[in-house]
Amino acid sequence: MKSLIALALMGVSTFAAAASVESSNKSAVQEYTYSTHLDIAKVIDMSTVPNVCEVVPATMTYEDHQGQRHTIEYKVMGNGCSQS
């Protein structure tokens, strides 16, 4: 019985450690403004722009010149507008 409890506690601590590592790898999402200084050395990921005719939020994850990852959210016009 004691070994079962110890095994359960070890599993919980392993899960907590994995969650801590995962949250430290994710950067906080920063809202873009025209005064935001961007130091983009490498773009890692960009969200897909939906096929709607309205302004929608988009995100970009990038690395700066010191190797730090950042995620920024900005507004973009959707791809669903047609020019007639």
PDB file of N, CA and C in Angstrom:
ATOM      1  N   MET A   1       0.820  -1.200   0.000  1.00  0.00           N
ATOM      2  CA  MET A   1       0.000   0.000   0.000  1.00  0.00           C
ATOM      3  C   MET A   1       0.860   1.258   0.000  1.00  0.00           C
ATOM      4  N   LYS A   2       1.943   1.262   0.808  1.00  0.00           N
ATOM      5  CA  LYS A   2       2.817   2.426   0.865  1.00  0.00           C
ATOM      6  C   LYS A   2       3.488   2.666  -0.487  1.00  0.00           C
ATOM      7  N   SER A   3       3.858   1.581  -1.175  1.00  0.00           N
ATOM      8  CA  SER A   3       4.511   1.745  -2.476  1.00  0.00           C
ATOM      9  C   SER A   3       3.532   2.298  -3.505  1.00  0.00           C
ATOM     10  N   LEU A   4       2.258   1.967  -3.388  1.00  0.00           N
ATOM     11  CA  LEU A   4       1.246   2.496  -4.299  1.00  0.00           C
ATOM     12  C   LEU A   4       1.062   3.991  -4.097  1.00  0.00           C
ATOM     13  N   ILE A   5       1.052   4.421  -2.837  1.00  0.00           N
ATOM     14  CA  ILE A   5       0.933   5.854  -2.532  1.00  0.00           C
ATOM     15  C   ILE A   5       2.174   6.592  -3.020  1.00  0.00           C
ATOM     16  N   ALA A   6       3.349   6.026  -2.797  1.00  0.00           N
ATOM     17  CA  ALA A   6       4.595   6.654  -3.250  1.00  0.00           C
ATOM     18  C   ALA A   6       4.616   6.763  -4.768  1.00  0.00           C
ATOM     19  N   LEU A   7       4.142   5.736  -5.466  1.00  0.00           N
ATOM     20  CA  LEU A   7       4.091   5.768  -6.927  1.00  0.00           C
ATOM     21  C   LEU A   7       3.132   6.843  -7.414  1.00  0.00           C
ATOM     22  N   ALA A   8       1.990   6.976  -6.747  1.00  0.00           N
ATOM     23  CA  ALA A   8       1.015   8.004  -7.117  1.00  0.00           C
ATOM     24  C   ALA A   8       1.587   9.398  -6.909  1.00  0.00           C
ATOM     25  N   LEU A   9       2.266   9.619  -5.794  1.00  0.00           N
ATOM     26  CA  LEU A   9       2.872  10.925  -5.523  1.00  0.00           C
ATOM     27  C   LEU A   9       3.980  11.239  -6.525  1.00  0.00           C
ATOM     28  N   MET A  10       4.743  10.226  -6.918  1.00  0.00           N
ATOM     29  CA  MET A  10       5.806  10.432  -7.900  1.00  0.00           C
ATOM     30  C   MET A  10       5.199  10.836  -9.248  1.00  0.00           C
ATOM     31  N   GLY A  11       4.077  10.225  -9.604  1.00  0.00           N
ATOM     32  CA  GLY A  11       3.406  10.583 -10.858  1.00  0.00           C
ATOM     33  C   GLY A  11       2.901  12.008 -10.848  1.00  0.00           C
ATOM     34  N   VAL A  12       2.350  12.439  -9.705  1.00  0.00           N
ATOM     35  CA  VAL A  12       1.856  13.815  -9.579  1.00  0.00           C
ATOM     36  C   VAL A  12       3.004  14.802  -9.683  1.00  0.00           C
ATOM     37  N   SER A  13       4.133  14.521  -9.037  1.00  0.00           N
ATOM     38  CA  SER A  13       5.268  15.444  -9.096  1.00  0.00           C
ATOM     39  C   SER A  13       5.865  15.496 -10.498  1.00  0.00           C
ATOM     40  N   THR A  14       5.882  14.370 -11.208  1.00  0.00           N
ATOM     41  CA  THR A  14       6.376  14.357 -12.588  1.00  0.00           C
ATOM     42  C   THR A  14       5.480  15.190 -13.485  1.00  0.00           C
ATOM     43  N   PHE A  15       4.155  15.063 -13.296  1.00  0.00           N
ATOM     44  CA  PHE A  15       3.200  15.854 -14.077  1.00  0.00           C
ATOM     45  C   PHE A  15       3.378  17.340 -13.803  1.00  0.00           C
ATOM     46  N   ALA A  16       3.559  17.725 -12.537  1.00  0.00           N
ATOM     47  CA  ALA A  16       3.738  19.131 -12.172  1.00  0.00           C
ATOM     48  C   ALA A  16       5.019  19.693 -12.776  1.00  0.00           C
ATOM     49  N   ALA A  17       6.092  18.899 -12.771  1.00  0.00           N
ATOM     50  CA  ALA A  17       7.359  19.352 -13.354  1.00  0.00           C
ATOM     51  C   ALA A  17       7.227  19.538 -14.855  1.00  0.00           C
ATOM     52  N   ALA A  18       6.522  18.634 -15.534  1.00  0.00           N
ATOM     53  CA  ALA A  18       6.327  18.754 -16.981  1.00  0.00           C
ATOM     54  C   ALA A  18       5.495  19.977 -17.300  1.00  0.00           C
ATOM     55  N   ALA A  19       4.471  20.259 -16.505  1.00  0.00           N
ATOM     56  CA  ALA A  19       3.632  21.442 -16.729  1.00  0.00           C
ATOM     57  C   ALA A  19       4.432  22.712 -16.512  1.00  0.00           C
ATOM     58  N   SER A  20       5.336  22.715 -15.542  1.00  0.00           N
ATOM     59  CA  SER A  20       6.174  23.871 -15.274  1.00  0.00           C
ATOM     60  C   SER A  20       7.119  24.150 -16.438  1.00  0.00           C
ATOM     61  N   VAL A  21       7.726  23.101 -16.991  1.00  0.00           N
ATOM     62  CA  VAL A  21       8.627  23.257 -18.137  1.00  0.00           C
ATOM     63  C   VAL A  21       7.859  23.757 -19.345  1.00  0.00           C
ATOM     64  N   GLU A  22       6.669  23.212 -19.576  1.00  0.00           N
ATOM     65  CA  GLU A  22       5.866  23.638 -20.721  1.00  0.00           C
ATOM     66  C   GLU A  22       5.476  25.095 -20.606  1.00  0.00           C
ATOM     67  N   SER A  23       5.070  25.551 -19.429  1.00  0.00           N
ATOM     68  CA  SER A  23       4.662  26.944 -19.275  1.00  0.00           C
ATOM     69  C   SER A  23       5.848  27.889 -19.382  1.00  0.00           C
ATOM     70  N   SER A  24       7.046  27.455 -18.991  1.00  0.00           N
ATOM     71  CA  SER A  24       8.207  28.327 -19.117  1.00  0.00           C
ATOM     72  C   SER A  24       8.676  28.426 -20.564  1.00  0.00           C
ATOM     73  N   ASN A  25       8.350  27.441 -21.411  1.00  0.00           N
ATOM     74  CA  ASN A  25       8.720  27.502 -22.824  1.00  0.00           C
ATOM     75  C   ASN A  25       7.791  28.408 -23.613  1.00  0.00           C
ATOM     76  N   LYS A  26       6.578  28.626 -23.110  1.00  0.00           N
ATOM     77  CA  LYS A  26       5.628  29.482 -23.801  1.00  0.00           C
ATOM     78  C   LYS A  26       5.853  30.925 -23.361  1.00  0.00           C
ATOM     79  N   SER A  27       5.888  31.821 -24.317  1.00  0.00           N
ATOM     80  CA  SER A  27       6.033  33.217 -23.959  1.00  0.00           C
ATOM     81  C   SER A  27       4.653  33.853 -23.841  1.00  0.00           C
ATOM     82  N   ALA A  28       4.570  34.892 -23.051  1.00  0.00           N
ATOM     83  CA  ALA A  28       3.317  35.618 -22.896  1.00  0.00           C
ATOM     84  C   ALA A  28       2.998  36.334 -24.210  1.00  0.00           C
ATOM     85  N   VAL A  29       1.739  36.358 -24.553  1.00  0.00           N
ATOM     86  CA  VAL A  29       1.323  37.019 -25.793  1.00  0.00           C
ATOM     87  C   VAL A  29       1.288  38.521 -25.552  1.00  0.00           C
ATOM     88  N   GLN A  30       1.990  39.258 -26.403  1.00  0.00           N
ATOM     89  CA  GLN A  30       2.058  40.710 -26.304  1.00  0.00           C
ATOM     90  C   GLN A  30       1.146  41.323 -27.363  1.00  0.00           C
ATOM     91  N   GLU A  31       0.393  42.330 -26.999  1.00  0.00           N
ATOM     92  CA  GLU A  31      -0.487  43.035 -27.934  1.00  0.00           C
ATOM     93  C   GLU A  31       0.350  44.045 -28.718  1.00  0.00           C
ATOM     94  N   TYR A  32       0.280  44.003 -30.048  1.00  0.00           N
ATOM     95  CA  TYR A  32       1.038  44.924 -30.898  1.00  0.00           C
ATOM     96  C   TYR A  32       0.375  46.291 -30.938  1.00  0.00           C
ATOM     97  N   THR A  33       1.183  47.336 -30.830  1.00  0.00           N
ATOM     98  CA  THR A  33       0.752  48.714 -31.096  1.00  0.00           C
ATOM     99  C   THR A  33       1.786  49.318 -32.041  1.00  0.00           C
ATOM    100  N   TYR A  34       1.470  50.461 -32.610  1.00  0.00           N
ATOM    101  CA  TYR A  34       2.415  51.082 -33.539  1.00  0.00           C
ATOM    102  C   TYR A  34       3.719  51.482 -32.871  1.00  0.00           C
ATOM    103  N   SER A  35       3.713  51.646 -31.565  1.00  0.00           N
ATOM    104  CA  SER A  35       4.952  52.009 -30.866  1.00  0.00           C
ATOM    105  C   SER A  35       5.733  50.798 -30.363  1.00  0.00           C
ATOM    106  N   THR A  36       5.243  49.574 -30.631  1.00  0.00           N
ATOM    107  CA  THR A  36       5.939  48.364 -30.192  1.00  0.00           C
ATOM    108  C   THR A  36       7.232  48.188 -30.980  1.00  0.00           C
ATOM    109  N   HIS A  37       8.341  48.038 -30.248  1.00  0.00           N
ATOM    110  CA  HIS A  37       9.628  47.781 -30.900  1.00  0.00           C
ATOM    111  C   HIS A  37       9.733  46.283 -31.186  1.00  0.00           C
ATOM    112  N   LEU A  38       9.935  45.940 -32.439  1.00  0.00           N
ATOM    113  CA  LEU A  38      10.064  44.534 -32.825  1.00  0.00           C
ATOM    114  C   LEU A  38      11.512  44.239 -33.199  1.00  0.00           C
ATOM    115  N   ASP A  39      12.071  43.226 -32.580  1.00  0.00           N
ATOM    116  CA  ASP A  39      13.430  42.761 -32.870  1.00  0.00           C
ATOM    117  C   ASP A  39      13.293  41.331 -33.386  1.00  0.00           C
ATOM    118  N   ILE A  40      12.985  41.200 -34.675  1.00  0.00           N
ATOM    119  CA  ILE A  40      12.689  39.890 -35.255  1.00  0.00           C
ATOM    120  C   ILE A  40      13.913  39.381 -36.014  1.00  0.00           C
ATOM    121  N   ALA A  41      14.499  38.298 -35.502  1.00  0.00           N
ATOM    122  CA  ALA A  41      15.602  37.653 -36.196  1.00  0.00           C
ATOM    123  C   ALA A  41      15.093  36.484 -37.030  1.00  0.00           C
ATOM    124  N   LYS A  42      14.053  35.794 -36.523  1.00  0.00           N
ATOM    125  CA  LYS A  42      13.546  34.604 -37.208  1.00  0.00           C
ATOM    126  C   LYS A  42      12.072  34.415 -36.842  1.00  0.00           C
ATOM    127  N   VAL A  43      11.220  34.273 -37.849  1.00  0.00           N
ATOM    128  CA  VAL A  43       9.810  33.995 -37.616  1.00  0.00           C
ATOM    129  C   VAL A  43       9.651  32.490 -37.412  1.00  0.00           C
ATOM    130  N   ILE A  44       9.018  32.104 -36.314  1.00  0.00           N
ATOM    131  CA  ILE A  44       8.808  30.693 -35.974  1.00  0.00           C
ATOM    132  C   ILE A  44       7.454  30.217 -36.493  1.00  0.00           C
ATOM    133  N   ASP A  45       6.392  31.011 -36.272  1.00  0.00           N
ATOM    134  CA  ASP A  45       5.044  30.595 -36.644  1.00  0.00           C
ATOM    135  C   ASP A  45       4.157  31.814 -36.831  1.00  0.00           C
ATOM    136  N   MET A  46       3.228  31.706 -37.768  1.00  0.00           N
ATOM    137  CA  MET A  46       2.212  32.739 -37.972  1.00  0.00           C
ATOM    138  C   MET A  46       0.865  32.046 -38.057  1.00  0.00           C
ATOM    139  N   SER A  47      -0.149  32.652 -37.431  1.00  0.00           N
ATOM    140  CA  SER A  47      -1.480  32.048 -37.469  1.00  0.00           C
ATOM    141  C   SER A  47      -2.080  32.197 -38.861  1.00  0.00           C
ATOM    142  N   THR A  48      -3.033  31.325 -39.170  1.00  0.00           N
ATOM    143  CA  THR A  48      -3.734  31.371 -40.451  1.00  0.00           C
ATOM    144  C   THR A  48      -4.800  32.451 -40.389  1.00  0.00           C
ATOM    145  N   VAL A  49      -4.880  33.261 -41.422  1.00  0.00           N
ATOM    146  CA  VAL A  49      -5.896  34.319 -41.496  1.00  0.00           C
ATOM    147  C   VAL A  49      -7.171  33.691 -42.049  1.00  0.00           C
ATOM    148  N   PRO A  50      -8.302  33.831 -41.334  1.00  0.00           N
ATOM    149  CA  PRO A  50      -9.539  33.195 -41.793  1.00  0.00           C
ATOM    150  C   PRO A  50     -10.107  33.846 -43.045  1.00  0.00           C
ATOM    151  N   ASN A  51     -10.981  33.128 -43.711  1.00  0.00           N
ATOM    152  CA  ASN A  51     -11.594  33.578 -44.954  1.00  0.00           C
ATOM    153  C   ASN A  51     -12.883  34.340 -44.646  1.00  0.00           C
ATOM    154  N   VAL A  52     -12.747  35.480 -43.966  1.00  0.00           N
ATOM    155  CA  VAL A  52     -13.873  36.349 -43.618  1.00  0.00           C
ATOM    156  C   VAL A  52     -13.557  37.764 -44.081  1.00  0.00           C
ATOM    157  N   CYS A  53     -14.579  38.593 -44.190  1.00  0.00           N
ATOM    158  CA  CYS A  53     -14.375  39.976 -44.614  1.00  0.00           C
ATOM    159  C   CYS A  53     -14.554  40.899 -43.411  1.00  0.00           C
ATOM    160  N   GLU A  54     -13.610  40.821 -42.488  1.00  0.00           N
ATOM    161  CA  GLU A  54     -13.607  41.670 -41.307  1.00  0.00           C
ATOM    162  C   GLU A  54     -12.218  41.639 -40.681  1.00  0.00           C
ATOM    163  N   VAL A  55     -11.988  42.554 -39.772  1.00  0.00           N
ATOM    164  CA  VAL A  55     -10.714  42.594 -39.061  1.00  0.00           C
ATOM    165  C   VAL A  55     -10.724  41.496 -38.007  1.00  0.00           C
ATOM    166  N   VAL A  56      -9.643  40.699 -37.990  1.00  0.00           N
ATOM    167  CA  VAL A  56      -9.538  39.570 -37.072  1.00  0.00           C
ATOM    168  C   VAL A  56      -8.172  39.588 -36.385  1.00  0.00           C
ATOM    169  N   PRO A  57      -8.075  38.957 -35.210  1.00  0.00           N
ATOM    170  CA  PRO A  57      -6.763  38.874 -34.560  1.00  0.00           C
ATOM    171  C   PRO A  57      -5.892  37.804 -35.219  1.00  0.00           C
ATOM    172  N   ALA A  58      -4.611  38.072 -35.247  1.00  0.00           N
ATOM    173  CA  ALA A  58      -3.631  37.117 -35.765  1.00  0.00           C
ATOM    174  C   ALA A  58      -2.446  37.118 -34.803  1.00  0.00           C
ATOM    175  N   THR A  59      -1.673  36.037 -34.809  1.00  0.00           N
ATOM    176  CA  THR A  59      -0.497  35.971 -33.946  1.00  0.00           C
ATOM    177  C   THR A  59       0.735  35.563 -34.737  1.00  0.00           C
ATOM    178  N   MET A  60       1.864  35.999 -34.244  1.00  0.00           N
ATOM    179  CA  MET A  60       3.148  35.618 -34.814  1.00  0.00           C
ATOM    180  C   MET A  60       4.085  35.289 -33.663  1.00  0.00           C
ATOM    181  N   THR A  61       4.779  34.169 -33.776  1.00  0.00           N
ATOM    182  CA  THR A  61       5.807  33.792 -32.811  1.00  0.00           C
ATOM    183  C   THR A  61       7.147  33.942 -33.509  1.00  0.00           C
ATOM    184  N   TYR A  62       8.079  34.616 -32.843  1.00  0.00           N
ATOM    185  CA  TYR A  62       9.381  34.871 -33.457  1.00  0.00           C
ATOM    186  C   TYR A  62      10.484  34.820 -32.419  1.00  0.00           C
ATOM    187  N   GLU A  63      11.718  34.710 -32.904  1.00  0.00           N
ATOM    188  CA  GLU A  63      12.909  34.799 -32.050  1.00  0.00           C
ATOM    189  C   GLU A  63      13.573  36.134 -32.290  1.00  0.00           C
ATOM    190  N   ASP A  64      14.030  36.771 -31.213  1.00  0.00           N
ATOM    191  CA  ASP A  64      14.772  38.017 -31.370  1.00  0.00           C
ATOM    192  C   ASP A  64      16.258  37.694 -31.573  1.00  0.00           C
ATOM    193  N   HIS A  65      17.090  38.717 -31.673  1.00  0.00           N
ATOM    194  CA  HIS A  65      18.507  38.511 -31.945  1.00  0.00           C
ATOM    195  C   HIS A  65      19.276  37.905 -30.769  1.00  0.00           C
ATOM    196  N   GLN A  66      18.667  37.829 -29.590  1.00  0.00           N
ATOM    197  CA  GLN A  66      19.296  37.165 -28.450  1.00  0.00           C
ATOM    198  C   GLN A  66      18.783  35.738 -28.279  1.00  0.00           C
ATOM    199  N   GLY A  67      17.929  35.275 -29.203  1.00  0.00           N
ATOM    200  CA  GLY A  67      17.419  33.911 -29.140  1.00  0.00           C
ATOM    201  C   GLY A  67      16.185  33.736 -28.271  1.00  0.00           C
ATOM    202  N   GLN A  68      15.611  34.832 -27.766  1.00  0.00           N
ATOM    203  CA  GLN A  68      14.406  34.766 -26.946  1.00  0.00           C
ATOM    204  C   GLN A  68      13.173  34.679 -27.834  1.00  0.00           C
ATOM    205  N   ARG A  69      12.220  33.822 -27.466  1.00  0.00           N
ATOM    206  CA  ARG A  69      10.976  33.688 -28.230  1.00  0.00           C
ATOM    207  C   ARG A  69       9.933  34.664 -27.715  1.00  0.00           C
ATOM    208  N   HIS A  70       9.182  35.234 -28.643  1.00  0.00           N
ATOM    209  CA  HIS A  70       8.104  36.166 -28.331  1.00  0.00           C
ATOM    210  C   HIS A  70       6.894  35.795 -29.175  1.00  0.00           C
ATOM    211  N   THR A  71       5.709  36.046 -28.641  1.00  0.00           N
ATOM    212  CA  THR A  71       4.473  35.901 -29.401  1.00  0.00           C
ATOM    213  C   THR A  71       3.755  37.228 -29.339  1.00  0.00           C
ATOM    214  N   ILE A  72       3.360  37.707 -30.498  1.00  0.00           N
ATOM    215  CA  ILE A  72       2.692  38.995 -30.584  1.00  0.00           C
ATOM    216  C   ILE A  72       1.348  38.817 -31.282  1.00  0.00           C
ATOM    217  N   GLU A  73       0.342  39.517 -30.783  1.00  0.00           N
ATOM    218  CA  GLU A  73      -0.978  39.481 -31.401  1.00  0.00           C
ATOM    219  C   GLU A  73      -1.230  40.830 -32.065  1.00  0.00           C
ATOM    220  N   TYR A  74      -1.778  40.798 -33.248  1.00  0.00           N
ATOM    221  CA  TYR A  74      -2.057  42.016 -34.009  1.00  0.00           C
ATOM    222  C   TYR A  74      -3.356  41.824 -34.772  1.00  0.00           C
ATOM    223  N   LYS A  75      -3.850  42.870 -35.365  1.00  0.00           N
ATOM    224  CA  LYS A  75      -5.101  42.815 -36.138  1.00  0.00           C
ATOM    225  C   LYS A  75      -4.771  42.790 -37.628  1.00  0.00           C
ATOM    226  N   VAL A  76      -5.551  42.017 -38.367  1.00  0.00           N
ATOM    227  CA  VAL A  76      -5.350  41.887 -39.811  1.00  0.00           C
ATOM    228  C   VAL A  76      -6.712  41.758 -40.480  1.00  0.00           C
ATOM    229  N   MET A  77      -6.807  42.204 -41.713  1.00  0.00           N
ATOM    230  CA  MET A  77      -8.060  42.045 -42.465  1.00  0.00           C
ATOM    231  C   MET A  77      -8.140  40.611 -42.975  1.00  0.00           C
ATOM    232  N   GLY A  78      -9.296  39.985 -42.799  1.00  0.00           N
ATOM    233  CA  GLY A  78      -9.491  38.608 -43.246  1.00  0.00           C
ATOM    234  C   GLY A  78      -9.356  38.482 -44.759  1.00  0.00           C
ATOM    235  N   ASN A  79      -9.200  37.271 -45.243  1.00  0.00           N
ATOM    236  CA  ASN A  79      -9.007  37.010 -46.674  1.00  0.00           C
ATOM    237  C   ASN A  79     -10.306  36.861 -47.446  1.00  0.00           C
ATOM    238  N   GLY A  80     -11.456  37.106 -46.831  1.00  0.00           N
ATOM    239  CA  GLY A  80     -12.737  36.838 -47.485  1.00  0.00           C
ATOM    240  C   GLY A  80     -13.341  38.007 -48.231  1.00  0.00           C
ATOM    241  N   CYS A  81     -12.657  39.110 -48.356  1.00  0.00           N
ATOM    242  CA  CYS A  81     -13.210  40.268 -49.056  1.00  0.00           C
ATOM    243  C   CYS A  81     -12.886  40.179 -50.546  1.00  0.00           C
ATOM    244  N   SER A  82     -13.866  40.385 -51.392  1.00  0.00           N
ATOM    245  CA  SER A  82     -13.611  40.370 -52.832  1.00  0.00           C
ATOM    246  C   SER A  82     -13.744  41.780 -53.381  1.00  0.00           C
ATOM    247  N   GLN A  83     -12.963  42.061 -54.359  1.00  0.00           N
ATOM    248  CA  GLN A  83     -12.989  43.381 -55.001  1.00  0.00           C
ATOM    249  C   GLN A  83     -13.836  43.261 -56.266  1.00  0.00           C
ATOM    250  N   SER A  84     -14.987  43.943 -56.296  1.00  0.00           N
ATOM    251  CA  SER A  84     -15.863  43.880 -57.458  1.00  0.00           C
ATOM    252  C   SER A  84     -15.870  45.188 -58.202  1.00  0.00           C
TER     253      SER A  84
END
